[in-house]
Amino acid sequence: MESVNAYSVQNSDFIERIDVLCPKCQKKALVIGAMANASRDEIEERVRFSCSSCGYAIRLANTPKVLFYQNSRGKAVYGRVLHMNAPIDPFFGFSVWYQMDTVHGLLWAYNEQHLEVIERHIKDQHRRRSGILYMNRSIGSRLPKGVSSSKNRDYLLKLIQRAKKRS
C-alpha cells in the first residue's frame, strides 16, 4: 500500500490479514479475515486462524455463536460479534501481534501495512485531512493526541521499529 493518508483509511480496512499472538504457543500467527462489510455467510466461510509454529488452526464456522435474543415465538437467535477498533482480532478475540505500550497508552496495529500507515502519520510533519467530512473513524483521528504530537515523534518511531524487528 503506497503512501496512504491516515485520515482516509479506517482500522477496519486492515482486517483481511491480521497478525496475532497464538494463544497456544505465544508466537506470531495469522488470522485470515474478511472485509467488515462482507456477508455473514462469506465471513463464516472465509475467516480462519492458523499458527505455523505449533500447528494450531481454527475455522470461524466451527466456533460457537453467541445468543443474541429470543424472538416473540421463543426461538433463540444466534450470531457473531465483531470486536472492531480494539487491540484484538475482530473475529476470534486473539491479541494482535503489533502492540506497543507508550506513555500515552497502547499503540497497536492489525498487521505490518496498518503499522506502516501509523508510522507514516507519525513521521509526517504536514498532516493533511482527507477532505471527507465527518471522517472521525479514520486512523488519524483515532490515534491518541500524544501519538500525533511532534515532541513524541522520535520516541514513537523507535517503538515502532522495535515492534517491526520483533516479527
Foldseek 3Di string as FASTA:
>chain_A
DPDDALQVDFQLVPQQWFWFQDPPPRDTWIWRADRPPDDQVCRQPGTKIADPPPGDIDRLVPDDWAFDDADPVRHTDTDHFFDPPDQARRRPRGGGLAWDQDPQGIDGHRDVVRLVNLLVQLVDPDRDHPPDPPSCRGSVNPDGPVSNDNVCSVVVNVSSVVSVVRD
